[in-house]
C-alpha cells in the first residue's frame, strides 16, 4: 500500500536492492524446485488422473495439458490463427503501398473473411447481429439502455438452451469456445462504441459510422484475445495512419518476435517441469503438498498466467503496432505487484482503462465522496466478474479485490492525511518510509496472492491456501514468507521508482 506520494519513492543503496533481488529470485527457484520434485514423485498418479501428454521439449518429461486456456489457444494458433495473423500483416502492408486511403476498408474485408472461415457463417452472423443491434441501441444515445442491452446479452449467453444451440453449430468444443470468446470481447467493443457515440458522436453519416464500428469490432489482430482498445483511440489512430505507410523497423520486429517465442517456450518449459494445473485440480494433493512446494505452486500459477498473457497479448499487439496503432502496454510481472490497485493498473492495462472510462468514472468515481467511490468500485468489480462468467468463485474473487482496493485506499488516505503524514516525515527518513511502505505492502501482497488463487484455481484452492498458509502455517513459516513478500514489494517499488524517474526526465 502506498504510504506516501507515489511520485516520491525514495532510492535505496544498491547492495540492499541486490539482497532483495537475491531473496526474490532465490525463493522462486527454490520453491519451483520443490514443486518439481513433488510433480515427479507423484507423476504416475497425476498421469492416471489427468492423462499427461508426452513432452516434446525436454526428453523424459511429460507435459501438463490441463490449463484449458493455454491448450485451447495453442491449438487455435496451430490450426488457423498464426496463418491468419501472417496474412493480415501481408494484406496490411500491401494495402499501405497500393491503396493507403482504403487500407481500413481492406483490413475490414480481410477480417470479415477470416471470421467467416474460422467461426462459420452462423458464428459470423451472430456477431454481426450483435453488432447491428448495438449500432441501433447506440443511436438512441442512452447509456442506461446500452447497459440494459449488455446485461441482457450476457445473460442470454449463459442460458443453457442458447449454449446448447451454439454448440450444435460446431463439431468440436474448441470451435464453440472460440465463438464464446469472440462474443465476449465484441461486447466490450460495442459498449465502447455505444457510449462514445452517446457522449461525442462521430460527425459522419450513419453508414460511415457503421463501417467504423464493423472495422473496430472485427479488427483481426485484437478480435479473439484483445488487448482492449477504446473505439475513440482506434478511430483516431487509424485516421492518423491513413494515407501513410507505417514505418517497418525490421530489427525491432525480429526482436519482438524472438521475445514472443521465448515467452511461449518458457510457458511450455514450466508445464513440462511442474504439473501446476493437474495438482491444482486434485484436492487431495493440495492437502499434503510440502510447504515450499505449496508456495511454489502459488508462485508458478501466477507466473504461468503472466507468461501466458505475454504471448496472448504480445503477438496481437505487435501486429497492431505494425498497422500504426498504439496498443496498451503488456502485463507487468505479477511477482512485483505489491497492491491490488497496482495489479489492476499494470496487468491488463487495456481492460483497466476500459473499466475506468466506461464504468468507474460515469458511476461517480473518486470525485463525489467515499461512499460514491465505494459504489463505483463495487459496480466495476461486479461487471467484470459477471463478464468473466458470473460463477461463485468469480464473485468471491471480485469481492476480495473490492475489499483489497478499499482497504489500500483507506490506509493511504489515513497515512497521507495532513495530521498524520507530517509526523511520519519528522520521524522517518525517506528510505525508512519506503521500507515501512514495503512492509505494509507485504500483507497486501499476501491477500493479492490469495485472491489470485481463487481466480485461477477456484474456491477450493483459495480455501486450502488460506487454511494451510494463514492459519496452520502462521507459527511455522509466517516469518520467512513475510520476508520474501517484503522483498517482492521492494523490487516492485524499485521498478516504479525507475519508471517515475524516466518519465520525469522525458517531461523535462
Protein backbone atom coordinates (compact mmCIF):
# COMPACT_ATOMS: atom_id res chain seq x y z
CA UNK A 1 0.00 0.00 0.00
CA UNK A 2 1.21 3.45 -0.74
CA UNK A 3 2.02 5.38 2.39
CA UNK A 4 3.45 8.43 0.68
CA UNK A 5 3.02 10.36 -2.52
CA UNK A 6 3.55 7.97 -5.43
CA UNK A 7 5.84 10.44 -7.16
CA UNK A 8 8.42 10.42 -4.35
CA UNK A 9 9.59 6.84 -3.88
CA UNK A 10 12.99 7.06 -2.21
CA UNK A 11 16.05 5.30 -3.56
CA UNK A 12 17.85 2.63 -1.53
CA UNK A 13 21.51 1.54 -1.53
CA UNK A 14 22.49 -0.74 -4.39
CA UNK A 15 23.61 -3.52 -2.04
CA UNK A 16 20.18 -3.54 -0.37
CA UNK A 17 18.35 -3.80 -3.69
CA UNK A 18 20.72 -6.65 -4.63
CA UNK A 19 19.73 -8.52 -1.45
CA UNK A 20 16.06 -8.14 -2.34
CA UNK A 21 16.74 -9.48 -5.83
CA UNK A 22 18.62 -12.49 -4.42
CA UNK A 23 15.81 -13.25 -1.96
CA UNK A 24 13.13 -12.83 -4.65
CA UNK A 25 14.78 -14.91 -7.35
CA UNK A 26 16.10 -17.47 -4.86
CA UNK A 27 12.67 -18.02 -3.28
CA UNK A 28 11.13 -18.53 -6.71
CA UNK A 29 13.74 -21.04 -7.87
CA UNK A 30 13.85 -22.95 -4.56
CA UNK A 31 10.05 -23.26 -4.32
CA UNK A 32 9.85 -24.24 -8.01
CA UNK A 33 12.46 -26.95 -7.33
CA UNK A 34 10.32 -28.42 -4.54
CA UNK A 35 7.23 -28.28 -6.73
CA UNK A 36 9.17 -30.03 -9.49
CA UNK A 37 10.24 -32.78 -7.09
CA UNK A 38 6.65 -33.26 -5.95
CA UNK A 39 5.46 -33.36 -9.56
CA UNK A 40 7.94 -36.09 -10.47
CA UNK A 41 7.24 -38.07 -7.29
CA UNK A 42 3.51 -38.23 -7.99
CA UNK A 43 3.74 -38.25 -11.77
CA UNK A 44 2.20 -41.69 -12.16
CA UNK A 45 -0.90 -40.79 -10.13
CA UNK A 46 -1.32 -37.48 -11.93
CA UNK A 47 -0.91 -39.26 -15.27
CA UNK A 48 -3.69 -41.72 -14.43
CA UNK A 49 -5.96 -38.92 -13.28
CA UNK A 50 -5.30 -36.26 -15.92
CA UNK A 51 -3.60 -38.10 -18.83
CA UNK A 52 -0.37 -36.16 -19.03
CA UNK A 53 0.96 -35.77 -22.54
CA UNK A 54 4.31 -36.92 -23.83
CA UNK A 55 6.68 -33.99 -23.68
CA UNK A 56 8.41 -32.72 -26.79
CA UNK A 57 10.75 -30.07 -25.37
CA UNK A 58 12.62 -31.99 -22.67
CA UNK A 59 13.35 -35.70 -23.22
CA UNK A 60 11.94 -37.89 -20.46
CA UNK A 61 9.46 -35.29 -19.19
CA UNK A 62 5.70 -35.31 -19.62
CA UNK A 63 3.60 -32.21 -20.21
CA UNK A 64 0.69 -30.95 -18.11
CA UNK A 65 -2.11 -30.20 -20.63
CA UNK A 66 -4.82 -29.29 -18.13
CA UNK A 67 -4.71 -25.49 -18.43
CA UNK A 68 -7.64 -25.12 -20.78
CA UNK A 69 -6.83 -21.64 -21.99
CA UNK A 70 -3.22 -22.42 -22.91
CA UNK A 71 -4.10 -25.69 -24.67
CA UNK A 72 -7.02 -24.03 -26.45
CA UNK A 73 -5.04 -21.10 -27.86
CA UNK A 74 -2.11 -23.32 -28.81
CA UNK A 75 -4.47 -25.50 -30.83
CA UNK A 76 -6.16 -22.50 -32.43
CA UNK A 77 -2.78 -20.97 -33.23
CA UNK A 78 -1.52 -24.08 -34.99
CA UNK A 79 -4.73 -24.61 -36.95
CA UNK A 80 -5.55 -21.10 -38.13
CA UNK A 81 -4.62 -18.03 -36.12
CA UNK A 82 -0.88 -17.91 -36.82
CA UNK A 83 -1.56 -18.18 -40.56
CA UNK A 84 -4.36 -15.61 -40.48
CA UNK A 85 -2.14 -13.22 -38.47
CA UNK A 86 0.58 -13.61 -41.08
CA UNK A 87 -1.98 -12.97 -43.81
CA UNK A 88 -3.16 -9.83 -42.00
CA UNK A 89 0.39 -8.47 -41.88
CA UNK A 90 0.87 -9.10 -45.61
CA UNK A 91 -2.51 -7.65 -46.60
CA UNK A 92 -1.98 -4.59 -44.40
CA UNK A 93 1.44 -3.93 -45.91
CA UNK A 94 0.22 -4.31 -49.49
CA UNK A 95 -2.76 -2.05 -48.83
CA UNK A 96 -0.45 0.59 -47.33
CA UNK A 97 1.61 0.62 -50.52
CA UNK A 98 -1.11 0.46 -53.18
CA UNK A 99 -4.31 1.90 -51.65
CA UNK A 100 -3.32 3.72 -48.44
CA UNK A 101 -6.58 5.67 -48.25
CA UNK A 102 -8.57 2.43 -48.41
CA UNK A 103 -6.44 0.41 -46.01
CA UNK A 104 -9.08 0.35 -43.25
CA UNK A 105 -11.67 -0.98 -45.68
CA UNK A 106 -9.29 -3.66 -46.96
CA UNK A 107 -8.43 -4.76 -43.42
CA UNK A 108 -12.12 -4.87 -42.51
CA UNK A 109 -12.86 -7.05 -45.53
CA UNK A 110 -9.98 -9.38 -44.66
CA UNK A 111 -11.11 -9.57 -41.02
CA UNK A 112 -14.67 -10.49 -42.03
CA UNK A 113 -13.41 -13.19 -44.40
CA UNK A 114 -11.21 -14.73 -41.70
CA UNK A 115 -14.03 -14.56 -39.14
CA UNK A 116 -16.30 -16.36 -41.61
CA UNK A 117 -13.64 -19.03 -42.24
CA UNK A 118 -12.95 -19.57 -38.54
CA UNK A 119 -16.38 -19.07 -36.94
CA UNK A 120 -18.50 -20.29 -39.81
CA UNK A 121 -21.46 -18.49 -41.34
CA UNK A 122 -23.63 -18.89 -38.22
CA UNK A 123 -20.94 -17.65 -35.86
CA UNK A 124 -20.16 -14.68 -38.09
CA UNK A 125 -23.89 -13.97 -38.43
CA UNK A 126 -24.31 -13.98 -34.65
CA UNK A 127 -21.50 -11.47 -34.11
CA UNK A 128 -22.82 -9.30 -36.95
CA UNK A 129 -26.31 -9.44 -35.44
CA UNK A 130 -24.97 -8.26 -32.09
CA UNK A 131 -23.05 -5.50 -33.86
CA UNK A 132 -26.16 -4.31 -35.70
CA UNK A 133 -28.27 -4.36 -32.56
CA UNK A 134 -25.65 -2.38 -30.64
CA UNK A 135 -25.50 0.08 -33.54
CA UNK A 136 -29.23 0.62 -33.21
CA UNK A 137 -29.07 0.98 -29.44
CA UNK A 138 -26.14 3.42 -29.74
CA UNK A 139 -28.13 5.80 -31.92
CA UNK A 140 -30.67 6.27 -29.14
CA UNK A 141 -27.76 7.80 -27.19
CA UNK A 142 -28.96 6.50 -23.82
CA UNK A 143 -26.17 4.88 -21.75
CA UNK A 144 -28.70 3.16 -19.46
CA UNK A 145 -30.20 1.41 -22.49
CA UNK A 146 -26.72 0.31 -23.58
CA UNK A 147 -26.06 -1.31 -20.21
CA UNK A 148 -29.51 -2.91 -20.13
CA UNK A 149 -28.90 -4.48 -23.52
CA UNK A 150 -25.39 -5.57 -22.47
CA UNK A 151 -26.62 -7.37 -19.35
CA UNK A 152 -29.38 -8.99 -21.38
CA UNK A 153 -26.88 -10.18 -23.99
CA UNK A 154 -24.50 -11.60 -21.39
CA UNK A 155 -27.36 -13.30 -19.54
CA UNK A 156 -28.55 -14.92 -22.77
CA UNK A 157 -25.05 -16.29 -23.44
CA UNK A 158 -25.11 -18.07 -20.08
CA UNK A 159 -28.51 -19.72 -20.68
CA UNK A 160 -28.35 -23.48 -21.24
CA UNK A 161 -30.63 -23.53 -24.35
CA UNK A 162 -28.55 -20.80 -26.03
CA UNK A 163 -25.32 -22.60 -25.19
CA UNK A 164 -26.73 -25.88 -26.49
CA UNK A 165 -27.84 -24.24 -29.75
CA UNK A 166 -24.46 -22.61 -30.35
CA UNK A 167 -22.61 -25.85 -29.57
CA UNK A 168 -24.76 -27.61 -32.19
CA UNK A 169 -23.26 -25.34 -34.86
CA UNK A 170 -19.82 -26.87 -34.43
CA UNK A 171 -18.20 -30.28 -34.38
CA UNK A 172 -15.67 -29.58 -31.60
CA UNK A 173 -15.65 -27.81 -28.24
CA UNK A 174 -12.79 -25.57 -29.39
CA UNK A 175 -14.87 -24.07 -32.20
CA UNK A 176 -17.70 -23.23 -29.78
CA UNK A 177 -15.39 -21.65 -27.22
CA UNK A 178 -13.76 -19.53 -29.91
CA UNK A 179 -17.21 -18.08 -30.70
CA UNK A 180 -17.85 -17.61 -26.97
CA UNK A 181 -14.63 -15.61 -26.52
CA UNK A 182 -15.33 -13.54 -29.63
CA UNK A 183 -18.81 -12.58 -28.43
CA UNK A 184 -17.44 -11.60 -25.00
CA UNK A 185 -14.77 -9.30 -26.45
CA UNK A 186 -17.12 -7.87 -29.07
CA UNK A 187 -19.46 -6.98 -26.21
CA UNK A 188 -16.76 -4.75 -24.69
CA UNK A 189 -16.03 -3.12 -28.03
CA UNK A 190 -19.71 -2.49 -28.72
CA UNK A 191 -20.13 -0.87 -25.31
CA UNK A 192 -17.19 1.39 -26.11
CA UNK A 193 -18.75 2.44 -29.42
CA UNK A 194 -22.19 2.96 -27.95
CA UNK A 195 -21.04 5.09 -25.02
CA UNK A 196 -18.59 7.11 -27.11
CA UNK A 197 -21.39 7.81 -29.58
CA UNK A 198 -23.67 8.90 -26.72
CA UNK A 199 -21.03 11.30 -25.38
CA UNK A 200 -19.47 12.60 -28.59
CA UNK A 201 -20.82 11.13 -31.85
CA UNK A 202 -18.70 10.94 -34.97
CA UNK A 203 -19.52 13.78 -37.35
CA UNK A 204 -20.11 11.45 -40.29
CA UNK A 205 -23.08 9.74 -41.87
CA UNK A 206 -24.78 6.68 -40.41
CA UNK A 207 -23.30 4.30 -42.99
CA UNK A 208 -19.78 5.56 -42.29
CA UNK A 209 -20.32 5.14 -38.55
CA UNK A 210 -21.46 1.56 -39.08
CA UNK A 211 -18.39 0.87 -41.22
CA UNK A 212 -16.15 2.20 -38.45
CA UNK A 213 -17.95 0.05 -35.88
CA UNK A 214 -17.50 -3.01 -38.10
CA UNK A 215 -13.81 -2.21 -38.64
CA UNK A 216 -13.34 -1.77 -34.89
CA UNK A 217 -15.30 -4.85 -33.85
CA UNK A 218 -13.74 -7.28 -36.33
CA UNK A 219 -10.19 -5.89 -36.42
CA UNK A 220 -8.42 -9.21 -36.77
CA UNK A 221 -5.34 -8.97 -34.51
CA UNK A 222 -7.44 -7.97 -31.47
CA UNK A 223 -10.63 -9.83 -32.36
CA UNK A 224 -10.05 -13.03 -30.33
CA UNK A 225 -7.96 -12.17 -27.27
CA UNK A 226 -7.55 -8.41 -27.03
CA UNK A 227 -5.97 -6.36 -25.61
CA UNK A 228 -8.82 -3.88 -25.49
CA UNK A 229 -8.52 -0.51 -27.25
CA UNK A 230 -11.34 2.00 -26.96
CA UNK A 231 -13.34 2.96 -30.04
CA UNK A 232 -12.15 6.56 -29.72
CA UNK A 233 -8.48 5.57 -29.69
CA UNK A 234 -8.93 3.05 -32.52
CA UNK A 235 -10.59 5.52 -34.89
CA UNK A 236 -8.20 8.36 -34.08
CA UNK A 237 -5.10 6.22 -34.57
CA UNK A 238 -6.41 4.61 -37.74
CA UNK A 239 -7.28 8.01 -39.19
CA UNK A 240 -3.85 9.37 -38.24
CA UNK A 241 -2.21 6.44 -40.04
CA UNK A 242 -4.43 6.74 -43.13
CA UNK A 243 -2.65 7.72 -46.31
CA UNK A 244 0.80 6.87 -44.96
CA UNK A 245 2.95 3.78 -44.87
CA UNK A 246 3.65 2.70 -41.29
CA UNK A 247 7.39 2.51 -40.69
CA UNK A 248 8.75 -1.04 -40.63
CA UNK A 249 11.68 -1.42 -38.24
CA UNK A 250 12.95 -4.89 -39.16
CA UNK A 251 15.47 -5.30 -36.28
CA UNK A 252 12.85 -4.24 -33.73
CA UNK A 253 10.32 -6.56 -35.38
CA UNK A 254 12.68 -9.52 -35.16
CA UNK A 255 13.45 -8.77 -31.51
CA UNK A 256 9.72 -8.64 -30.72
CA UNK A 257 9.09 -11.95 -32.47
CA UNK A 258 12.03 -13.52 -30.62
CA UNK A 259 10.66 -12.29 -27.30
CA UNK A 260 7.23 -13.78 -28.02
CA UNK A 261 8.85 -17.10 -28.95
CA UNK A 262 10.87 -17.03 -25.71
CA UNK A 263 7.74 -16.37 -23.66
CA UNK A 264 5.95 -19.27 -25.37
CA UNK A 265 8.95 -21.52 -24.78
CA UNK A 266 9.13 -20.51 -21.10
CA UNK A 267 5.45 -21.34 -20.60
CA UNK A 268 5.95 -24.75 -22.21
CA UNK A 269 9.02 -25.44 -20.05
CA UNK A 270 7.04 -24.59 -16.92
CA UNK A 271 4.30 -27.15 -17.66
CA UNK A 272 6.94 -29.76 -18.54
CA UNK A 273 8.86 -29.32 -15.28
CA UNK A 274 5.93 -28.64 -12.92
CA UNK A 275 2.47 -30.16 -13.19
CA UNK A 276 0.91 -26.94 -11.91
CA UNK A 277 -2.66 -27.28 -13.08
CA UNK A 278 -3.01 -31.03 -12.53
CA UNK A 279 -2.01 -30.62 -8.88
CA UNK A 280 -4.37 -27.66 -8.55
CA UNK A 281 -7.23 -29.78 -9.88
CA UNK A 282 -6.68 -32.60 -7.36
CA UNK A 283 -7.65 -31.51 -3.85
CA UNK A 284 -6.01 -34.49 -2.16
CA UNK A 285 -2.55 -33.46 -3.34
CA UNK A 286 -3.11 -29.90 -2.16
CA UNK A 287 -3.62 -31.08 1.43
CA UNK A 288 -0.24 -32.83 1.76
CA UNK A 289 1.82 -30.70 -0.59
CA UNK A 290 5.01 -29.72 1.35
CA UNK A 291 5.13 -26.03 2.46
CA UNK A 292 7.83 -24.99 -0.01
CA UNK A 293 6.07 -26.82 -2.84
CA UNK A 294 2.79 -25.14 -1.85
CA UNK A 295 4.49 -21.76 -2.10
CA UNK A 296 5.97 -22.84 -5.43
CA UNK A 297 2.50 -23.78 -6.66
CA UNK A 298 1.15 -20.32 -5.80
CA UNK A 299 4.07 -18.56 -7.50
CA UNK A 300 4.02 -20.89 -10.50
CA UNK A 301 0.29 -20.39 -11.07
CA UNK A 302 0.52 -16.61 -11.18
CA UNK A 303 3.78 -16.63 -13.15
CA UNK A 304 2.37 -19.01 -15.75
CA UNK A 305 -0.72 -16.81 -16.04
CA UNK A 306 1.56 -13.82 -16.58
CA UNK A 307 3.74 -15.50 -19.23
CA UNK A 308 0.65 -16.87 -20.97
CA UNK A 309 -0.77 -13.38 -21.41
CA UNK A 310 2.54 -12.03 -22.61
CA UNK A 311 2.07 -14.44 -25.52
CA UNK A 312 -1.68 -13.90 -25.97
CA UNK A 313 -1.31 -10.10 -25.92
CA UNK A 314 2.20 -9.92 -27.39
CA UNK A 315 1.52 -11.15 -30.92
CA UNK A 316 -1.73 -9.19 -31.46
CA UNK A 317 -0.08 -6.05 -30.06
CA UNK A 318 2.85 -6.49 -32.43
CA UNK A 319 0.50 -6.68 -35.44
CA UNK A 320 -1.44 -3.66 -34.19
CA UNK A 321 1.77 -1.62 -33.93
CA UNK A 322 2.64 -2.59 -37.50
CA UNK A 323 -0.70 -1.07 -38.51
CA UNK A 324 0.14 2.21 -36.78
CA UNK A 325 -1.89 1.61 -33.61
CA UNK A 326 -0.64 2.09 -30.05
CA UNK A 327 -1.92 -0.91 -28.07
CA UNK A 328 -1.80 -0.93 -24.26
CA UNK A 329 1.42 -1.96 -22.54
CA UNK A 330 1.99 -5.65 -21.98
CA UNK A 331 1.37 -7.00 -18.47
CA UNK A 332 3.88 -6.30 -15.74
CA UNK A 333 5.41 -9.26 -13.91
CA UNK A 334 3.00 -10.37 -11.19
CA UNK A 335 5.79 -11.12 -8.72
CA UNK A 336 6.49 -7.40 -8.35
CA UNK A 337 2.84 -6.42 -7.91
CA UNK A 338 2.58 -5.19 -4.34
CA UNK A 339 -1.01 -3.92 -4.23
CA UNK A 340 -4.47 -4.70 -5.55
CA UNK A 341 -4.55 -1.28 -7.20
CA UNK A 342 -1.24 -1.90 -8.97
CA UNK A 343 -2.41 -5.31 -10.15
CA UNK A 344 -5.39 -3.78 -11.90
CA UNK A 345 -3.42 -0.87 -13.31
CA UNK A 346 -0.47 -2.81 -14.68
CA UNK A 347 -1.62 -6.30 -15.68
CA UNK A 348 -4.39 -5.90 -18.27
CA UNK A 349 -3.85 -2.20 -18.98
CA UNK A 350 -6.42 -2.03 -21.77
CA UNK A 351 -9.16 -3.60 -19.64
CA UNK A 352 -8.26 -1.32 -16.72
CA UNK A 353 -8.65 1.83 -18.85
CA UNK A 354 -11.89 0.44 -20.30
CA UNK A 355 -13.36 -0.15 -16.84
CA UNK A 356 -12.30 3.28 -15.58
CA UNK A 357 -13.62 5.15 -18.63
CA UNK A 358 -16.94 3.35 -19.09
CA UNK A 359 -17.97 2.24 -15.58
CA UNK A 360 -15.94 3.78 -12.75
CA UNK A 361 -15.98 7.45 -13.83
CA UNK A 362 -19.61 7.52 -15.12
CA UNK A 363 -20.72 5.90 -11.85
CA UNK A 364 -19.16 8.75 -9.86
CA UNK A 365 -15.52 7.80 -9.47
CA UNK A 366 -13.45 9.44 -6.76
CA UNK A 367 -14.84 13.00 -7.04
CA UNK A 368 -18.13 12.54 -5.19
CA UNK A 369 -17.11 11.35 -1.75
CA UNK A 370 -16.03 8.00 -0.29
CA UNK A 371 -19.45 6.33 -0.44
CA UNK A 372 -19.86 7.09 -4.14
CA UNK A 373 -16.31 5.85 -4.73
CA UNK A 374 -17.12 2.57 -2.95
CA UNK A 375 -20.25 2.17 -5.07
CA UNK A 376 -18.35 2.90 -8.28
CA UNK A 377 -15.74 0.29 -7.37
CA UNK A 378 -18.46 -2.22 -6.49
CA UNK A 379 -20.20 -1.73 -9.85
CA UNK A 380 -16.89 -2.10 -11.68
CA UNK A 381 -15.93 -5.34 -9.97
CA UNK A 382 -19.48 -6.70 -10.25
CA UNK A 383 -19.47 -6.19 -14.00
CA UNK A 384 -16.04 -7.73 -14.56
CA UNK A 385 -16.92 -10.84 -12.56
CA UNK A 386 -20.20 -11.19 -14.49
CA UNK A 387 -18.42 -10.66 -17.81
CA UNK A 388 -15.98 -13.44 -16.93
CA UNK A 389 -18.88 -15.84 -16.38
CA UNK A 390 -20.52 -14.89 -13.09
CA UNK A 391 -19.58 -18.10 -11.24
CA UNK A 392 -19.49 -18.13 -7.45
CA UNK A 393 -15.70 -18.19 -7.26
CA UNK A 394 -15.56 -15.16 -9.57
CA UNK A 395 -17.92 -13.29 -7.27
CA UNK A 396 -15.66 -14.15 -4.33
CA UNK A 397 -12.61 -13.02 -6.32
CA UNK A 398 -14.30 -9.72 -7.20
CA UNK A 399 -15.33 -9.17 -3.58
CA UNK A 400 -11.77 -9.79 -2.36
CA UNK A 401 -10.41 -7.31 -4.91
CA UNK A 402 -13.01 -4.70 -3.98
CA UNK A 403 -12.18 -5.06 -0.29
CA UNK A 404 -8.45 -5.01 -1.05
CA UNK A 405 -8.66 -1.78 -3.05
CA UNK A 406 -10.89 -0.17 -0.42
CA UNK A 407 -8.52 -1.07 2.43
CA UNK A 408 -5.49 0.14 0.47
CA UNK A 409 -7.17 3.44 -0.34
CA UNK A 410 -8.30 3.84 3.27
CA UNK A 411 -4.82 3.24 4.70
CA UNK A 412 -3.27 5.53 2.09
CA UNK A 413 -5.76 8.31 2.89
CA UNK A 414 -5.06 7.93 6.61
CA UNK A 415 -1.27 7.94 6.33
CA UNK A 416 -1.24 10.79 3.79
CA UNK A 417 -3.67 12.94 5.78
CA UNK A 418 -2.46 16.40 6.93
CA UNK A 419 -2.48 15.27 10.57
CA UNK A 420 -0.53 12.03 10.13
CA UNK A 421 1.89 12.49 7.24
CA UNK A 422 3.84 15.46 8.70
CA UNK A 423 4.54 13.36 11.81
CA UNK A 424 5.75 10.50 9.64
CA UNK A 425 8.04 12.89 7.76
CA UNK A 426 9.53 14.16 11.01
CA UNK A 427 10.14 10.70 12.49
CA UNK A 428 11.24 8.70 9.44
CA UNK A 429 13.72 9.35 6.66
CA UNK A 430 12.59 8.83 3.04
CA UNK A 431 14.41 5.47 2.95
CA UNK A 432 12.73 4.29 6.14
CA UNK A 433 9.35 5.43 4.84
CA UNK A 434 9.90 3.28 1.77
CA UNK A 435 10.83 0.30 3.97
CA UNK A 436 7.67 0.78 6.00
CA UNK A 437 5.69 1.01 2.78
CA UNK A 438 7.15 -2.30 1.60
CA UNK A 439 6.36 -3.88 4.98
CA UNK A 440 2.70 -2.86 4.74
CA UNK A 441 2.64 -3.93 1.09
CA UNK A 442 3.80 -7.42 2.07
CA UNK A 443 0.44 -8.01 3.81
CA UNK A 444 -1.42 -6.61 0.81
CA UNK A 445 0.61 -8.88 -1.48
CA UNK A 446 -0.34 -11.93 0.61
CA UNK A 447 -4.04 -11.13 0.18
CA UNK A 448 -3.47 -10.42 -3.51
CA UNK A 449 -1.91 -13.87 -3.98
CA UNK A 450 -4.87 -15.42 -2.14
CA UNK A 451 -7.34 -13.67 -4.46
CA UNK A 452 -5.35 -14.87 -7.47
CA UNK A 453 -5.56 -18.43 -6.13
CA UNK A 454 -9.34 -18.12 -6.08
CA UNK A 455 -9.40 -16.70 -9.62
CA UNK A 456 -7.03 -19.28 -11.09
CA UNK A 457 -7.98 -22.37 -9.08
CA UNK A 458 -11.46 -21.79 -7.72
CA UNK A 459 -12.85 -21.59 -4.20
CA UNK A 460 -11.32 -24.91 -3.13
CA UNK A 461 -7.78 -23.74 -3.87
CA UNK A 462 -8.32 -20.44 -2.07
CA UNK A 463 -9.81 -22.23 0.93
CA UNK A 464 -6.92 -24.70 1.18
CA UNK A 465 -4.33 -21.97 0.65
CA UNK A 466 -5.93 -19.86 3.39
CA UNK A 467 -6.06 -22.79 5.82
CA UNK A 468 -2.53 -24.05 5.24
CA UNK A 469 -0.73 -20.70 4.94
CA UNK A 470 -2.69 -18.20 7.02
CA UNK A 471 -3.94 -20.50 9.81
CA UNK A 472 -1.82 -23.63 10.14
CA UNK A 473 1.37 -22.03 8.84
CA UNK A 474 1.15 -18.87 10.92
CA UNK A 475 3.52 -20.23 13.56
CA UNK A 476 5.90 -22.08 11.24
CA UNK A 477 6.66 -20.21 8.03
CA UNK A 478 4.93 -16.85 8.50
CA UNK A 479 8.21 -15.02 9.11
CA UNK A 480 10.11 -16.30 6.03
CA UNK A 481 7.01 -15.78 3.90
CA UNK A 482 6.76 -12.19 5.10
CA UNK A 483 10.45 -11.64 4.32
CA UNK A 484 10.01 -12.88 0.77
CA UNK A 485 6.84 -10.84 0.23
CA UNK A 486 8.67 -7.79 1.57
CA UNK A 487 11.44 -8.43 -0.98
CA UNK A 488 8.89 -8.74 -3.80
CA UNK A 489 7.36 -5.39 -2.75
CA UNK A 490 10.78 -3.69 -2.71
CA UNK A 491 11.51 -4.91 -6.24
CA UNK A 492 8.14 -3.55 -7.35
CA UNK A 493 8.79 -0.21 -5.67
CA UNK A 494 12.19 -0.01 -7.34
CA UNK A 495 10.55 -0.64 -10.71
CA UNK A 496 8.04 2.14 -10.03
CA UNK A 497 10.80 4.49 -8.93
CA UNK A 498 12.75 3.92 -12.15
CA UNK A 499 9.63 4.44 -14.27
CA UNK A 500 8.83 7.68 -12.47
CA UNK A 501 12.40 8.88 -12.87
CA UNK A 502 12.34 8.05 -16.57
CA UNK A 503 9.00 9.84 -17.02
CA UNK A 504 10.24 12.96 -15.25
CA UNK A 505 13.37 13.02 -17.43
CA UNK A 506 11.27 12.76 -20.60
CA UNK A 507 8.94 15.56 -19.48
CA UNK A 508 11.86 17.84 -18.65
